[in-house]
PDB file of N, CA and C in Angstrom:
ATOM      1  N   MET A   1     -25.272  10.673  14.699  1.00  0.00           N
ATOM      2  CA  MET A   1     -24.505  10.746  13.464  1.00  0.00           C
ATOM      3  C   MET A   1     -23.137  10.149  13.691  1.00  0.00           C
ATOM      4  N   ALA A   2     -22.678   9.215  12.777  1.00  0.00           N
ATOM      5  CA  ALA A   2     -21.345   8.569  12.868  1.00  0.00           C
ATOM      6  C   ALA A   2     -20.267   9.592  12.552  1.00  0.00           C
ATOM      7  N   ALA A   3     -19.160   9.437  13.246  1.00  0.00           N
ATOM      8  CA  ALA A   3     -17.950  10.254  12.918  1.00  0.00           C
ATOM      9  C   ALA A   3     -17.413   9.878  11.570  1.00  0.00           C
ATOM     10  N   ARG A   4     -16.909  10.792  10.843  1.00  0.00           N
ATOM     11  CA  ARG A   4     -16.314  10.626   9.527  1.00  0.00           C
ATOM     12  C   ARG A   4     -14.941  10.064   9.660  1.00  0.00           C
ATOM     13  N   LEU A   5     -14.652   9.078   8.900  1.00  0.00           N
ATOM     14  CA  LEU A   5     -13.185   8.455   8.934  1.00  0.00           C
ATOM     15  C   LEU A   5     -12.273   9.304   8.116  1.00  0.00           C
ATOM     16  N   ALA A   6     -11.074   9.392   8.620  1.00  0.00           N
ATOM     17  CA  ALA A   6     -10.072  10.218   7.968  1.00  0.00           C
ATOM     18  C   ALA A   6      -9.631   9.381   6.624  1.00  0.00           C
ATOM     19  N   HIS A   7      -9.384  10.109   5.548  1.00  0.00           N
ATOM     20  CA  HIS A   7      -8.942   9.578   4.309  1.00  0.00           C
ATOM     21  C   HIS A   7      -7.685  10.311   3.972  1.00  0.00           C
ATOM     22  N   ALA A   8      -6.888   9.606   3.070  1.00  0.00           N
ATOM     23  CA  ALA A   8      -5.701  10.172   2.581  1.00  0.00           C
ATOM     24  C   ALA A   8      -5.374   9.668   1.221  1.00  0.00           C
ATOM     25  N   VAL A   9      -4.499  10.383   0.467  1.00  0.00           N
ATOM     26  CA  VAL A   9      -4.016   9.930  -0.855  1.00  0.00           C
ATOM     27  C   VAL A   9      -2.495   9.848  -0.814  1.00  0.00           C
ATOM     28  N   ILE A  10      -1.981   9.155  -1.873  1.00  0.00           N
ATOM     29  CA  ILE A  10      -0.530   9.170  -1.917  1.00  0.00           C
ATOM     30  C   ILE A  10      -0.099   9.778  -3.302  1.00  0.00           C
ATOM     31  N   ASP A  11       1.110  10.220  -3.351  1.00  0.00           N
ATOM     32  CA  ASP A  11       1.605  10.826  -4.667  1.00  0.00           C
ATOM     33  C   ASP A  11       2.093   9.732  -5.557  1.00  0.00           C
ATOM     34  N   ARG A  12       2.259  10.136  -6.813  1.00  0.00           N
ATOM     35  CA  ARG A  12       2.692   9.172  -7.816  1.00  0.00           C
ATOM     36  C   ARG A  12       3.987   8.494  -7.533  1.00  0.00           C
ATOM     37  N   ASP A  13       4.941   9.191  -7.023  1.00  0.00           N
ATOM     38  CA  ASP A  13       6.215   8.590  -6.687  1.00  0.00           C
ATOM     39  C   ASP A  13       6.110   7.554  -5.637  1.00  0.00           C
ATOM     40  N   THR A  14       5.283   7.816  -4.617  1.00  0.00           N
ATOM     41  CA  THR A  14       5.047   6.846  -3.586  1.00  0.00           C
ATOM     42  C   THR A  14       4.389   5.522  -4.179  1.00  0.00           C
ATOM     43  N   PHE A  15       3.439   5.811  -5.028  1.00  0.00           N
ATOM     44  CA  PHE A  15       2.769   4.594  -5.651  1.00  0.00           C
ATOM     45  C   PHE A  15       3.751   3.748  -6.448  1.00  0.00           C
ATOM     46  N   GLN A  16       4.555   4.423  -7.212  1.00  0.00           N
ATOM     47  CA  GLN A  16       5.626   3.746  -8.055  1.00  0.00           C
ATOM     48  C   GLN A  16       6.543   2.982  -7.072  1.00  0.00           C
ATOM     49  N   ALA A  17       6.942   3.448  -5.967  1.00  0.00           N
ATOM     50  CA  ALA A  17       7.810   2.768  -5.037  1.00  0.00           C
ATOM     51  C   ALA A  17       6.998   1.499  -4.525  1.00  0.00           C
ATOM     52  N   LEU A  18       5.730   1.642  -4.250  1.00  0.00           N
ATOM     53  CA  LEU A  18       5.029   0.476  -3.756  1.00  0.00           C
ATOM     54  C   LEU A  18       4.827  -0.546  -4.830  1.00  0.00           C
ATOM     55  N   ARG A  19       4.786  -0.142  -6.032  1.00  0.00           N
ATOM     56  CA  ARG A  19       4.577  -1.036  -7.218  1.00  0.00           C
ATOM     57  C   ARG A  19       5.857  -1.816  -7.388  1.00  0.00           C
ATOM     58  N   ARG A  20       7.013  -1.168  -7.248  1.00  0.00           N
ATOM     59  CA  ARG A  20       8.364  -1.838  -7.448  1.00  0.00           C
ATOM     60  C   ARG A  20       8.590  -2.896  -6.300  1.00  0.00           C
ATOM     61  N   ALA A  21       7.953  -2.716  -5.131  1.00  0.00           N
ATOM     62  CA  ALA A  21       8.170  -3.618  -4.046  1.00  0.00           C
ATOM     63  C   ALA A  21       7.165  -4.833  -4.129  1.00  0.00           C
ATOM     64  N   LEU A  22       6.185  -4.680  -4.999  1.00  0.00           N
ATOM     65  CA  LEU A  22       5.230  -5.755  -5.136  1.00  0.00           C
ATOM     66  C   LEU A  22       5.593  -6.743  -6.244  1.00  0.00           C
ATOM     67  N   PRO A  23       5.706  -8.094  -5.799  1.00  0.00           N
ATOM     68  CA  PRO A  23       6.046  -9.046  -6.736  1.00  0.00           C
ATOM     69  C   PRO A  23       5.096  -9.258  -7.996  1.00  0.00           C
ATOM     70  N   ALA A  24       3.811  -9.058  -7.678  1.00  0.00           N
ATOM     71  CA  ALA A  24       2.812  -9.127  -8.777  1.00  0.00           C
ATOM     72  C   ALA A  24       1.537  -8.330  -8.352  1.00  0.00           C
ATOM     73  N   ALA A  25       0.914  -7.693  -9.241  1.00  0.00           N
ATOM     74  CA  ALA A  25      -0.353  -6.984  -8.975  1.00  0.00           C
ATOM     75  C   ALA A  25      -1.481  -7.875  -9.025  1.00  0.00           C
ATOM     76  N   THR A  26      -1.561  -8.912  -8.246  1.00  0.00           N
ATOM     77  CA  THR A  26      -2.670  -9.822  -8.141  1.00  0.00           C
ATOM     78  C   THR A  26      -3.372  -9.675  -6.831  1.00  0.00           C
ATOM     79  N   LYS A  27      -4.569 -10.120  -6.778  1.00  0.00           N
ATOM     80  CA  LYS A  27      -5.441 -10.047  -5.501  1.00  0.00           C
ATOM     81  C   LYS A  27      -4.614 -10.719  -4.385  1.00  0.00           C
ATOM     82  N   ALA A  28      -4.130 -11.919  -4.632  1.00  0.00           N
ATOM     83  CA  ALA A  28      -3.447 -12.611  -3.586  1.00  0.00           C
ATOM     84  C   ALA A  28      -2.127 -11.946  -3.201  1.00  0.00           C
ATOM     85  N   CYS A  29      -1.400 -11.420  -4.040  1.00  0.00           N
ATOM     86  CA  CYS A  29      -0.128 -10.842  -3.785  1.00  0.00           C
ATOM     87  C   CYS A  29      -0.336  -9.525  -3.047  1.00  0.00           C
ATOM     88  N   LEU A  30      -1.327  -8.669  -3.455  1.00  0.00           N
ATOM     89  CA  LEU A  30      -1.689  -7.464  -2.775  1.00  0.00           C
ATOM     90  C   LEU A  30      -1.994  -7.742  -1.264  1.00  0.00           C
ATOM     91  N   GLN A  31      -2.881  -8.746  -1.075  1.00  0.00           N
ATOM     92  CA  GLN A  31      -3.269  -9.140   0.189  1.00  0.00           C
ATOM     93  C   GLN A  31      -2.091  -9.625   1.036  1.00  0.00           C
ATOM     94  N   GLU A  32      -1.280 -10.548   0.508  1.00  0.00           N
ATOM     95  CA  GLU A  32      -0.210 -11.143   1.221  1.00  0.00           C
ATOM     96  C   GLU A  32       0.977 -10.121   1.512  1.00  0.00           C
ATOM     97  N   THR A  33       1.224  -9.300   0.539  1.00  0.00           N
ATOM     98  CA  THR A  33       2.377  -8.301   0.738  1.00  0.00           C
ATOM     99  C   THR A  33       1.993  -7.060   1.529  1.00  0.00           C
ATOM    100  N   PHE A  34       0.823  -6.428   1.154  1.00  0.00           N
ATOM    101  CA  PHE A  34       0.488  -5.206   1.797  1.00  0.00           C
ATOM    102  C   PHE A  34      -0.711  -5.280   2.662  1.00  0.00           C
ATOM    103  N   GLY A  35      -1.429  -6.362   2.638  1.00  0.00           N
ATOM    104  CA  GLY A  35      -2.661  -6.441   3.371  1.00  0.00           C
ATOM    105  C   GLY A  35      -3.812  -5.536   2.883  1.00  0.00           C
ATOM    106  N   ILE A  36      -3.835  -5.332   1.532  1.00  0.00           N
ATOM    107  CA  ILE A  36      -4.957  -4.482   1.007  1.00  0.00           C
ATOM    108  C   ILE A  36      -5.640  -5.294  -0.106  1.00  0.00           C
ATOM    109  N   SER A  37      -6.780  -4.796  -0.442  1.00  0.00           N
ATOM    110  CA  SER A  37      -7.583  -5.340  -1.488  1.00  0.00           C
ATOM    111  C   SER A  37      -7.171  -4.757  -2.764  1.00  0.00           C
ATOM    112  N   GLU A  38      -7.647  -5.478  -3.913  1.00  0.00           N
ATOM    113  CA  GLU A  38      -7.452  -4.927  -5.269  1.00  0.00           C
ATOM    114  C   GLU A  38      -8.137  -3.579  -5.470  1.00  0.00           C
ATOM    115  N   THR A  39      -9.257  -3.343  -4.874  1.00  0.00           N
ATOM    116  CA  THR A  39     -10.034  -2.055  -4.925  1.00  0.00           C
ATOM    117  C   THR A  39      -9.165  -1.071  -4.316  1.00  0.00           C
ATOM    118  N   THR A  40      -8.585  -1.267  -3.184  1.00  0.00           N
ATOM    119  CA  THR A  40      -7.752  -0.243  -2.583  1.00  0.00           C
ATOM    120  C   THR A  40      -6.555   0.073  -3.493  1.00  0.00           C
ATOM    121  N   TRP A  41      -5.932  -0.901  -4.041  1.00  0.00           N
ATOM    122  CA  TRP A  41      -4.890  -0.721  -4.932  1.00  0.00           C
ATOM    123  C   TRP A  41      -5.213   0.173  -6.046  1.00  0.00           C
ATOM    124  N   VAL A  42      -6.380  -0.077  -6.677  1.00  0.00           N
ATOM    125  CA  VAL A  42      -6.838   0.725  -7.853  1.00  0.00           C
ATOM    126  C   VAL A  42      -7.107   2.183  -7.405  1.00  0.00           C
ATOM    127  N   LYS A  43      -7.617   2.389  -6.174  1.00  0.00           N
ATOM    128  CA  LYS A  43      -7.862   3.764  -5.640  1.00  0.00           C
ATOM    129  C   LYS A  43      -6.558   4.394  -5.579  1.00  0.00           C
ATOM    130  N   LEU A  44      -5.512   3.774  -5.016  1.00  0.00           N
ATOM    131  CA  LEU A  44      -4.239   4.348  -4.862  1.00  0.00           C
ATOM    132  C   LEU A  44      -3.595   4.681  -6.141  1.00  0.00           C
ATOM    133  N   ARG A  45      -3.680   3.799  -7.144  1.00  0.00           N
ATOM    134  CA  ARG A  45      -3.183   3.929  -8.512  1.00  0.00           C
ATOM    135  C   ARG A  45      -3.893   5.241  -9.141  1.00  0.00           C
ATOM    136  N   ASP A  46      -5.110   5.349  -8.954  1.00  0.00           N
ATOM    137  CA  ASP A  46      -5.872   6.484  -9.522  1.00  0.00           C
ATOM    138  C   ASP A  46      -5.786   7.790  -8.766  1.00  0.00           C
ATOM    139  N   GLY A  47      -5.079   7.808  -7.626  1.00  0.00           N
ATOM    140  CA  GLY A  47      -4.959   9.056  -6.894  1.00  0.00           C
ATOM    141  C   GLY A  47      -6.126   9.360  -6.101  1.00  0.00           C
ATOM    142  N   ARG A  48      -7.041   8.282  -5.819  1.00  0.00           N
ATOM    143  CA  ARG A  48      -8.272   8.572  -4.954  1.00  0.00           C
ATOM    144  C   ARG A  48      -7.995   8.272  -3.532  1.00  0.00           C
ATOM    145  N   PRO A  49      -8.739   8.830  -2.588  1.00  0.00           N
ATOM    146  CA  PRO A  49      -8.416   8.671  -1.195  1.00  0.00           C
ATOM    147  C   PRO A  49      -8.790   7.251  -0.737  1.00  0.00           C
ATOM    148  N   VAL A  50      -8.146   6.783   0.211  1.00  0.00           N
ATOM    149  CA  VAL A  50      -8.372   5.543   0.925  1.00  0.00           C
ATOM    150  C   VAL A  50      -8.363   5.937   2.462  1.00  0.00           C
ATOM    151  N   LYS A  51      -8.880   5.016   3.284  1.00  0.00           N
ATOM    152  CA  LYS A  51      -8.904   5.311   4.655  1.00  0.00           C
ATOM    153  C   LYS A  51      -7.408   5.394   5.227  1.00  0.00           C
ATOM    154  N   GLN A  52      -7.367   6.381   6.129  1.00  0.00           N
ATOM    155  CA  GLN A  52      -5.988   6.635   6.778  1.00  0.00           C
ATOM    156  C   GLN A  52      -5.444   5.476   7.442  1.00  0.00           C
ATOM    157  N   ALA A  53      -6.235   4.722   8.108  1.00  0.00           N
ATOM    158  CA  ALA A  53      -5.691   3.503   8.843  1.00  0.00           C
ATOM    159  C   ALA A  53      -5.280   2.462   7.784  1.00  0.00           C
ATOM    160  N   THR A  54      -5.887   2.306   6.664  1.00  0.00           N
ATOM    161  CA  THR A  54      -5.464   1.414   5.627  1.00  0.00           C
ATOM    162  C   THR A  54      -4.141   1.800   5.055  1.00  0.00           C
ATOM    163  N   LEU A  55      -3.986   3.112   4.806  1.00  0.00           N
ATOM    164  CA  LEU A  55      -2.707   3.640   4.237  1.00  0.00           C
ATOM    165  C   LEU A  55      -1.646   3.436   5.237  1.00  0.00           C
ATOM    166  N   GLU A  56      -1.869   3.665   6.509  1.00  0.00           N
ATOM    167  CA  GLU A  56      -0.798   3.496   7.521  1.00  0.00           C
ATOM    168  C   GLU A  56      -0.409   2.022   7.573  1.00  0.00           C
ATOM    169  N   ARG A  57      -1.344   1.085   7.555  1.00  0.00           N
ATOM    170  CA  ARG A  57      -0.988  -0.337   7.532  1.00  0.00           C
ATOM    171  C   ARG A  57      -0.190  -0.688   6.256  1.00  0.00           C
ATOM    172  N   LEU A  58      -0.598  -0.177   5.155  1.00  0.00           N
ATOM    173  CA  LEU A  58       0.123  -0.471   3.884  1.00  0.00           C
ATOM    174  C   LEU A  58       1.522   0.047   4.012  1.00  0.00           C
ATOM    175  N   LEU A  59       1.771   1.244   4.439  1.00  0.00           N
ATOM    176  CA  LEU A  59       3.177   1.845   4.567  1.00  0.00           C
ATOM    177  C   LEU A  59       3.931   1.104   5.490  1.00  0.00           C
ATOM    178  N   GLU A  60       3.349   0.605   6.619  1.00  0.00           N
ATOM    179  CA  GLU A  60       4.131  -0.110   7.645  1.00  0.00           C
ATOM    180  C   GLU A  60       4.648  -1.435   6.988  1.00  0.00           C
ATOM    181  N   ARG A  61       3.769  -2.098   6.270  1.00  0.00           N
ATOM    182  CA  ARG A  61       4.108  -3.369   5.531  1.00  0.00           C
ATOM    183  C   ARG A  61       5.154  -3.081   4.492  1.00  0.00           C
ATOM    184  N   TYR A  62       4.964  -1.963   3.779  1.00  0.00           N
ATOM    185  CA  TYR A  62       6.023  -1.537   2.742  1.00  0.00           C
ATOM    186  C   TYR A  62       7.377  -1.392   3.440  1.00  0.00           C
ATOM    187  N   ARG A  63       7.425  -0.741   4.529  1.00  0.00           N
ATOM    188  CA  ARG A  63       8.736  -0.521   5.262  1.00  0.00           C
ATOM    189  C   ARG A  63       9.319  -1.946   5.597  1.00  0.00           C
ATOM    190  N   ARG A  64       8.477  -2.895   6.103  1.00  0.00           N
ATOM    191  CA  ARG A  64       8.969  -4.196   6.438  1.00  0.00           C
ATOM    192  C   ARG A  64       9.476  -4.921   5.213  1.00  0.00           C
ATOM    193  N   VAL A  65       8.778  -4.829   4.024  1.00  0.00           N
ATOM    194  CA  VAL A  65       9.187  -5.529   2.854  1.00  0.00           C
ATOM    195  C   VAL A  65      10.564  -4.866   2.448  1.00  0.00           C
ATOM    196  N   CYS A  66      10.673  -3.641   2.462  1.00  0.00           N
ATOM    197  CA  CYS A  66      11.897  -2.952   1.983  1.00  0.00           C
ATOM    198  C   CYS A  66      13.018  -3.383   2.904  1.00  0.00           C
ATOM    199  N   GLY A  67      12.831  -3.421   4.188  1.00  0.00           N
ATOM    200  CA  GLY A  67      13.812  -3.817   5.196  1.00  0.00           C
ATOM    201  C   GLY A  67      14.290  -5.336   4.970  1.00  0.00           C
ATOM    202  N   GLU A  68      13.351  -6.175   4.618  1.00  0.00           N
ATOM    203  CA  GLU A  68      13.708  -7.565   4.369  1.00  0.00           C
ATOM    204  C   GLU A  68      14.536  -7.704   3.105  1.00  0.00           C
ATOM    205  N   THR A  69      14.186  -6.852   2.103  1.00  0.00           N
ATOM    206  CA  THR A  69      14.892  -6.890   0.795  1.00  0.00           C
ATOM    207  C   THR A  69      16.325  -6.423   0.998  1.00  0.00           C
ATOM    208  N   GLU A  70      16.541  -5.312   1.830  1.00  0.00           N
ATOM    209  CA  GLU A  70      17.871  -4.807   2.096  1.00  0.00           C
ATOM    210  C   GLU A  70      18.664  -5.842   2.862  1.00  0.00           C
ATOM    211  N   ARG A  71      18.073  -6.460   3.835  1.00  0.00           N
ATOM    212  CA  ARG A  71      18.789  -7.497   4.610  1.00  0.00           C
ATOM    213  C   ARG A  71      19.275  -8.696   3.720  1.00  0.00           C
ATOM    214  N   ARG A  72      18.423  -9.091   2.788  1.00  0.00           N
ATOM    215  CA  ARG A  72      18.791 -10.244   1.921  1.00  0.00           C
ATOM    216  C   ARG A  72      19.959  -9.826   0.910  1.00  0.00           C
ATOM    217  N   ALA A  73      19.999  -8.533   0.500  1.00  0.00           N
ATOM    218  CA  ALA A  73      20.961  -8.114  -0.438  1.00  0.00           C
ATOM    219  C   ALA A  73      22.324  -7.890   0.319  1.00  0.00           C
ATOM    220  N   ALA A  74      22.301  -7.792   1.559  1.00  0.00           N
ATOM    221  CA  ALA A  74      23.617  -7.521   2.315  1.00  0.00           C
ATOM    222  C   ALA A  74      24.379  -8.769   2.475  1.00  0.00           C
TER     223      ALA A  74
END
């Protein structure tokens, strides 16, 4: 029997922060900015669980995007 993968959800405030950092909610932009599919984005939007590893990758990319934005503003 295969081991079950860990899943996680994000809260509404976190989703809104991700949305603000996203230039456009298109397949190409989601993949380029956060490394996720449109299906994963819809799951996050709807409060449904996604794989823990996917969420960690997304949040790491979000931190990088926010860091780049702050550096440009300075």
